[in-house]
Amino acid sequence: MRFGDRYKQWNAAFDAGYCAALGTPYITLHDEDVVHPLKEVDAAAQAWATSTRQVIEILRYTVAT
């Protein structure tokens, strides 16, 4: 789920909540300045990243293991 100024925050938050309710793993992607408002969303996430490079590394790690 990507959160940021150019993205529809309510859509991303809804999708994250839906994934959490279904037990579907997800990764959040956002800047460090919104860590506090998204603390519950991040807590339910598989991982939290600040760059697309980090998301790729997380996916590589989880697929390889």
N, C-alpha and C. Protein backbone atom coordinates (compact mmCIF):
# COMPACT_ATOMS: atom_id res chain seq x y z
N MET A 1 0.84 -1.15 0.00
CA MET A 1 0.00 0.00 0.00
C MET A 1 0.90 1.23 0.00
N ARG A 2 0.69 2.10 -0.95
CA ARG A 2 1.52 3.30 -1.02
C ARG A 2 0.75 4.49 -0.48
N PHE A 3 1.37 5.18 0.46
CA PHE A 3 0.79 6.37 1.06
C PHE A 3 1.68 7.56 0.71
N GLY A 4 1.09 8.66 0.34
CA GLY A 4 1.84 9.87 0.03
C GLY A 4 0.92 10.96 -0.45
N ASP A 5 1.50 12.13 -0.71
CA ASP A 5 0.71 13.29 -1.12
C ASP A 5 -0.06 13.08 -2.42
N ARG A 6 0.49 12.31 -3.34
CA ARG A 6 -0.14 12.14 -4.65
C ARG A 6 -1.09 10.95 -4.70
N TYR A 7 -1.29 10.25 -3.61
CA TYR A 7 -2.10 9.04 -3.61
C TYR A 7 -3.35 9.23 -2.78
N LYS A 8 -4.38 8.51 -3.10
CA LYS A 8 -5.65 8.58 -2.37
C LYS A 8 -5.50 7.83 -1.06
N GLN A 9 -5.26 8.56 0.03
CA GLN A 9 -5.00 7.96 1.32
C GLN A 9 -6.13 7.05 1.79
N TRP A 10 -7.37 7.46 1.56
CA TRP A 10 -8.50 6.66 2.05
C TRP A 10 -8.60 5.34 1.29
N ASN A 11 -8.24 5.33 0.02
CA ASN A 11 -8.25 4.07 -0.74
C ASN A 11 -7.17 3.12 -0.22
N ALA A 12 -5.98 3.64 0.01
CA ALA A 12 -4.89 2.82 0.51
C ALA A 12 -5.20 2.30 1.91
N ALA A 13 -5.77 3.15 2.75
CA ALA A 13 -6.13 2.73 4.11
C ALA A 13 -7.22 1.66 4.07
N PHE A 14 -8.19 1.82 3.19
CA PHE A 14 -9.25 0.81 3.05
C PHE A 14 -8.66 -0.52 2.59
N ASP A 15 -7.80 -0.47 1.58
CA ASP A 15 -7.18 -1.70 1.07
C ASP A 15 -6.35 -2.38 2.15
N ALA A 16 -5.61 -1.59 2.92
CA ALA A 16 -4.80 -2.16 4.01
C ALA A 16 -5.70 -2.82 5.05
N GLY A 17 -6.78 -2.17 5.41
CA GLY A 17 -7.71 -2.75 6.38
C GLY A 17 -8.35 -4.01 5.86
N TYR A 18 -8.68 -4.04 4.59
CA TYR A 18 -9.28 -5.21 3.97
C TYR A 18 -8.29 -6.38 3.99
N CYS A 19 -7.04 -6.10 3.62
CA CYS A 19 -6.01 -7.14 3.66
C CYS A 19 -5.81 -7.66 5.09
N ALA A 20 -5.78 -6.76 6.04
CA ALA A 20 -5.59 -7.16 7.44
C ALA A 20 -6.75 -8.03 7.90
N ALA A 21 -7.98 -7.67 7.52
CA ALA A 21 -9.15 -8.46 7.92
C ALA A 21 -9.14 -9.85 7.31
N LEU A 22 -8.60 -9.96 6.09
CA LEU A 22 -8.54 -11.26 5.41
C LEU A 22 -7.29 -12.06 5.77
N GLY A 23 -6.36 -11.42 6.49
CA GLY A 23 -5.10 -12.10 6.81
C GLY A 23 -4.14 -12.15 5.65
N THR A 24 -4.33 -11.26 4.69
CA THR A 24 -3.46 -11.19 3.51
C THR A 24 -2.28 -10.28 3.80
N PRO A 25 -1.06 -10.78 3.65
CA PRO A 25 0.12 -9.94 3.93
C PRO A 25 0.20 -8.77 2.95
N TYR A 26 0.67 -7.64 3.46
CA TYR A 26 0.90 -6.48 2.60
C TYR A 26 2.08 -5.69 3.14
N ILE A 27 2.63 -4.85 2.28
CA ILE A 27 3.76 -3.99 2.63
C ILE A 27 3.29 -2.55 2.48
N THR A 28 3.61 -1.71 3.46
CA THR A 28 3.29 -0.29 3.32
C THR A 28 4.53 0.44 2.82
N LEU A 29 4.29 1.46 2.02
CA LEU A 29 5.35 2.28 1.44
C LEU A 29 4.99 3.74 1.70
N HIS A 30 5.77 4.40 2.53
CA HIS A 30 5.53 5.81 2.81
C HIS A 30 6.76 6.44 3.44
N ASP A 31 6.77 7.78 3.47
CA ASP A 31 7.87 8.52 4.07
C ASP A 31 7.84 8.40 5.59
N GLU A 32 8.96 8.67 6.19
CA GLU A 32 9.06 8.57 7.65
C GLU A 32 8.23 9.63 8.37
N ASP A 33 7.87 10.72 7.69
CA ASP A 33 7.12 11.77 8.37
C ASP A 33 5.66 11.41 8.64
N VAL A 34 5.18 10.28 8.12
CA VAL A 34 3.80 9.84 8.40
C VAL A 34 3.78 8.52 9.18
N VAL A 35 4.86 8.21 9.85
CA VAL A 35 4.93 6.97 10.63
C VAL A 35 3.87 6.97 11.73
N HIS A 36 3.76 8.06 12.47
CA HIS A 36 2.82 8.09 13.59
C HIS A 36 1.36 7.93 13.13
N PRO A 37 0.89 8.67 12.12
CA PRO A 37 -0.51 8.50 11.70
C PRO A 37 -0.82 7.10 11.16
N LEU A 38 0.19 6.41 10.66
CA LEU A 38 -0.02 5.09 10.07
C LEU A 38 0.44 3.95 10.97
N LYS A 39 0.62 4.22 12.25
CA LYS A 39 1.19 3.20 13.14
C LYS A 39 0.35 1.93 13.20
N GLU A 40 -0.98 2.04 13.18
CA GLU A 40 -1.82 0.84 13.21
C GLU A 40 -1.76 0.09 11.90
N VAL A 41 -1.72 0.83 10.79
CA VAL A 41 -1.62 0.21 9.46
C VAL A 41 -0.28 -0.52 9.34
N ASP A 42 0.80 0.13 9.79
CA ASP A 42 2.13 -0.49 9.75
C ASP A 42 2.22 -1.71 10.67
N ALA A 43 1.54 -1.65 11.81
CA ALA A 43 1.60 -2.76 12.77
C ALA A 43 1.00 -4.03 12.18
N ALA A 44 -0.01 -3.89 11.34
CA ALA A 44 -0.64 -5.06 10.73
C ALA A 44 0.05 -5.50 9.45
N ALA A 45 0.96 -4.68 8.94
CA ALA A 45 1.64 -4.98 7.68
C ALA A 45 2.73 -6.03 7.86
N GLN A 46 3.05 -6.69 6.78
CA GLN A 46 4.17 -7.64 6.75
C GLN A 46 5.48 -6.88 6.94
N ALA A 47 5.54 -5.67 6.34
CA ALA A 47 6.74 -4.84 6.42
C ALA A 47 6.38 -3.41 6.07
N TRP A 48 7.29 -2.49 6.40
CA TRP A 48 7.14 -1.08 6.07
C TRP A 48 8.40 -0.63 5.36
N ALA A 49 8.23 0.12 4.27
CA ALA A 49 9.38 0.57 3.48
C ALA A 49 9.25 2.06 3.18
N THR A 50 10.41 2.69 2.91
CA THR A 50 10.41 4.10 2.54
C THR A 50 10.78 4.32 1.08
N SER A 51 11.13 3.24 0.36
CA SER A 51 11.47 3.37 -1.06
C SER A 51 11.03 2.10 -1.81
N THR A 52 10.86 2.26 -3.09
CA THR A 52 10.48 1.09 -3.90
C THR A 52 11.61 0.06 -3.90
N ARG A 53 12.85 0.51 -3.77
CA ARG A 53 14.00 -0.40 -3.70
C ARG A 53 13.86 -1.31 -2.48
N GLN A 54 13.44 -0.76 -1.35
CA GLN A 54 13.24 -1.56 -0.14
C GLN A 54 12.11 -2.58 -0.34
N VAL A 55 11.05 -2.18 -1.02
CA VAL A 55 9.95 -3.12 -1.30
C VAL A 55 10.47 -4.29 -2.12
N ILE A 56 11.27 -4.01 -3.13
CA ILE A 56 11.84 -5.07 -3.96
C ILE A 56 12.71 -6.00 -3.12
N GLU A 57 13.54 -5.44 -2.25
CA GLU A 57 14.39 -6.26 -1.39
C GLU A 57 13.56 -7.13 -0.45
N ILE A 58 12.48 -6.58 0.09
CA ILE A 58 11.61 -7.36 0.98
C ILE A 58 10.97 -8.51 0.21
N LEU A 59 10.48 -8.21 -0.99
CA LEU A 59 9.85 -9.26 -1.80
C LEU A 59 10.85 -10.35 -2.20
N ARG A 60 12.06 -9.94 -2.57
CA ARG A 60 13.10 -10.93 -2.91
C ARG A 60 13.39 -11.83 -1.72
N TYR A 61 13.50 -11.24 -0.55
CA TYR A 61 13.80 -12.01 0.65
C TYR A 61 12.67 -12.99 0.97
N THR A 62 11.44 -12.53 0.91
CA THR A 62 10.32 -13.40 1.29
C THR A 62 10.07 -14.49 0.27
N VAL A 63 10.33 -14.23 -0.99
CA VAL A 63 10.14 -15.24 -2.03
C VAL A 63 11.27 -16.27 -1.98
N ALA A 64 12.48 -15.83 -1.65
CA ALA A 64 13.65 -16.72 -1.64
C ALA A 64 13.64 -17.65 -0.44
N THR A 65 12.95 -17.28 0.64
CA THR A 65 12.99 -18.13 1.84
C THR A 65 11.82 -19.04 1.93
